Amino acid sequence: MEEKKEEKRDWKMIIGMTLFILIFAVIGGSFWKMVGKEAEKVKEEEARAEAEAITAIYLETGEYLKKPLFADIANEMFFTAEIPGEGIYNKKGKLIEGDVLEIGDVVKIYGNGIITRSDPGQYAEVTKLQRIRRADLEETQKYLDLAEERYCTEDEGEERQ
């Protein structure tokens, strides 16, 4: 009689442990499914940000008072932008605090993608600035000449003549 009671207890224990494992498997599966969805959302957001990023060359205009200016390489549009307080990322994606841009640095500018219609326009909210390469002298000079031609003040123009 005692053997039957022990057998019943063993079966109850086995069924209980099996249910316990199944419950944890369902919870674990749900967790990993949720993590997978979140990772996919992050990837999509990064892809969207990359698609909206502007590749620009950094310039400075003005003879005495140097003013920072960016030239959008894709459509030769000029605009100003604030450098994020966190710093500038290098081409490997590492944050370099306290780094400064030099004339001819080609950067990717990430943010909301909204540039004001003023001339030069202003990139409203820069979230990340990443240096991707150094432009050659010819490319830099092309954009410097375009910027000087477009934004040269009357006083500076008279001095040149």
Protein backbone atom coordinates (compact mmCIF):
# COMPACT_ATOMS: atom_id res chain seq x y z
CA MET A 1 0.00 0.00 0.00
CA GLU A 2 2.83 2.38 0.84
CA GLU A 3 4.47 1.75 -2.53
CA LYS A 4 1.34 2.97 -4.35
CA LYS A 5 1.27 6.18 -2.27
CA GLU A 6 4.95 6.83 -3.07
CA GLU A 7 4.31 6.16 -6.77
CA LYS A 8 1.40 8.62 -6.71
CA ARG A 9 3.61 11.22 -5.01
CA ASP A 10 6.36 10.65 -7.60
CA TRP A 11 3.91 11.19 -10.46
CA LYS A 12 2.51 14.33 -8.83
CA MET A 13 6.07 15.60 -8.39
CA ILE A 14 6.95 14.84 -12.02
CA ILE A 15 3.79 16.50 -13.35
CA GLY A 16 4.33 19.53 -11.06
CA MET A 17 7.96 19.97 -12.15
CA THR A 18 6.98 19.57 -15.81
CA LEU A 19 4.33 22.29 -15.48
CA PHE A 20 6.82 24.49 -13.64
CA ILE A 21 9.39 24.08 -16.46
CA LEU A 22 6.73 24.74 -19.12
CA ILE A 23 5.65 27.95 -17.39
CA PHE A 24 9.26 29.17 -17.25
CA ALA A 25 9.76 28.20 -20.90
CA VAL A 26 6.72 30.28 -21.92
CA ILE A 27 7.88 33.24 -19.84
CA GLY A 28 11.43 32.95 -21.23
CA GLY A 29 10.15 32.65 -24.80
CA SER A 30 7.97 35.73 -24.37
CA PHE A 31 10.89 37.67 -22.94
CA TRP A 32 13.22 36.81 -25.85
CA LYS A 33 10.49 37.58 -28.38
CA MET A 34 10.06 41.00 -26.79
CA VAL A 35 13.83 41.58 -26.77
CA GLY A 36 13.96 40.63 -30.46
CA LYS A 37 11.22 43.13 -31.33
CA GLU A 38 13.01 45.89 -29.42
CA ALA A 39 16.29 45.10 -31.19
CA GLU A 40 14.50 45.27 -34.53
CA LYS A 41 13.02 48.66 -33.62
CA VAL A 42 16.48 49.94 -32.67
CA LYS A 43 17.92 48.70 -35.98
CA GLU A 44 15.12 50.39 -37.92
CA GLU A 45 15.67 53.64 -36.00
CA GLU A 46 19.41 53.53 -36.71
CA ALA A 47 18.76 52.84 -40.40
CA ARG A 48 16.32 55.77 -40.55
CA ALA A 49 18.83 58.06 -38.82
CA GLU A 50 21.57 56.95 -41.22
CA ALA A 51 19.31 57.63 -44.22
CA GLU A 52 18.45 61.12 -42.92
CA ALA A 53 22.05 62.00 -42.02
CA ILE A 54 23.66 64.75 -44.04
CA THR A 55 27.21 64.40 -45.32
CA ALA A 56 28.80 67.83 -45.21
CA ILE A 57 32.20 69.48 -45.34
CA TYR A 58 33.22 71.89 -42.59
CA LEU A 59 34.30 75.38 -43.68
CA GLU A 60 34.95 78.75 -42.15
CA THR A 61 34.12 82.01 -43.89
CA GLY A 62 35.05 85.60 -43.27
CA GLU A 63 38.42 87.26 -43.43
CA TYR A 64 38.70 88.48 -39.85
CA LEU A 65 35.77 86.98 -38.01
CA LYS A 66 35.75 83.32 -38.90
CA LYS A 67 32.25 81.89 -39.00
CA PRO A 68 31.67 78.12 -39.03
CA LEU A 69 29.75 76.85 -42.03
CA PHE A 70 28.85 73.43 -43.42
CA ALA A 71 28.34 72.60 -47.09
CA ASP A 72 26.01 69.72 -47.90
CA ILE A 73 28.03 67.67 -50.39
CA ALA A 74 24.94 66.15 -52.05
CA ASN A 75 23.38 69.43 -53.17
CA GLU A 76 25.92 72.20 -52.43
CA MET A 77 23.65 73.84 -49.86
CA PHE A 78 25.26 75.83 -47.05
CA PHE A 79 24.09 75.82 -43.44
CA THR A 80 25.26 76.35 -39.89
CA ALA A 81 24.94 73.81 -37.08
CA GLU A 82 25.75 73.55 -33.41
CA ILE A 83 28.34 70.96 -32.46
CA PRO A 84 26.76 68.69 -29.82
CA GLY A 85 28.00 69.21 -26.28
CA GLU A 86 29.00 65.56 -25.96
CA GLY A 87 31.67 65.99 -28.64
CA ILE A 88 32.58 64.64 -32.05
CA TYR A 89 32.73 60.97 -32.98
CA ASN A 90 35.62 59.66 -35.06
CA LYS A 91 35.16 57.46 -38.14
CA LYS A 92 35.19 54.31 -35.99
CA GLY A 93 32.28 55.64 -33.94
CA LYS A 94 34.31 56.46 -30.81
CA LEU A 95 33.40 59.67 -28.98
CA ILE A 96 36.27 62.17 -28.80
CA GLU A 97 35.47 64.79 -26.17
CA GLY A 98 36.91 68.27 -26.67
CA ASP A 99 37.75 67.57 -30.33
CA VAL A 100 37.43 70.45 -32.79
CA LEU A 101 36.64 70.48 -36.47
CA GLU A 102 39.16 71.73 -39.00
CA ILE A 103 38.47 73.20 -42.41
CA GLY A 104 38.01 70.34 -44.85
CA ASP A 105 36.72 67.76 -42.38
CA VAL A 106 33.88 65.75 -43.93
CA VAL A 107 31.27 64.89 -41.32
CA LYS A 108 27.96 63.10 -41.05
CA ILE A 109 25.40 65.16 -39.21
CA TYR A 110 22.59 63.30 -37.44
CA GLY A 111 19.49 64.90 -36.01
CA ASN A 112 15.97 65.79 -36.97
CA GLY A 113 16.97 66.69 -40.55
CA ILE A 114 15.26 70.08 -40.45
CA ILE A 115 17.22 72.97 -41.90
CA THR A 116 15.71 76.45 -41.69
CA ARG A 117 15.04 78.34 -44.91
CA SER A 118 17.31 81.25 -44.01
CA ASP A 119 20.53 81.83 -45.97
CA PRO A 120 22.63 80.15 -44.79
CA GLY A 121 20.19 77.70 -43.29
CA GLN A 122 20.53 76.41 -39.78
CA TYR A 123 20.36 72.72 -38.89
CA ALA A 124 17.91 72.79 -35.99
CA GLU A 125 18.78 69.87 -33.69
CA VAL A 126 22.08 68.09 -34.18
CA THR A 127 22.16 64.91 -32.08
CA LYS A 128 25.44 63.45 -33.32
CA LEU A 129 28.38 64.66 -35.37
CA GLN A 130 30.77 62.09 -36.81
CA ARG A 131 33.96 62.85 -38.72
CA ILE A 132 34.18 60.40 -41.62
CA ARG A 133 37.15 61.61 -43.63
CA ARG A 134 39.32 64.52 -44.60
CA ALA A 135 38.51 66.20 -47.92
CA ASP A 136 41.33 66.75 -50.37
CA LEU A 137 42.53 70.30 -51.04
CA GLU A 138 40.70 70.56 -54.38
CA GLU A 139 37.32 69.60 -52.90
CA THR A 140 37.80 71.91 -49.92
CA GLN A 141 38.78 74.83 -52.15
CA LYS A 142 35.72 74.30 -54.36
CA TYR A 143 33.36 74.73 -51.40
CA LEU A 144 35.39 77.58 -49.88
CA ASP A 145 35.16 79.48 -53.18
CA LEU A 146 31.40 78.86 -53.39
CA ALA A 147 30.95 80.03 -49.79
CA GLU A 148 33.08 83.15 -50.26
CA GLU A 149 31.22 83.98 -53.46
CA ARG A 150 27.85 83.60 -51.77
CA TYR A 151 28.54 85.06 -48.31
CA CYS A 152 31.26 87.65 -48.91
CA THR A 153 30.17 90.92 -47.25
CA GLU A 154 30.29 94.21 -49.15
CA ASP A 155 33.19 95.49 -47.02
CA GLU A 156 35.27 92.42 -47.76
CA GLY A 157 34.37 92.66 -51.46
CA GLU A 158 35.55 96.30 -51.60
CA GLU A 159 38.84 95.38 -49.93
CA ARG A 160 39.56 92.80 -52.60
CA GLN A 161 39.07 95.23 -55.53
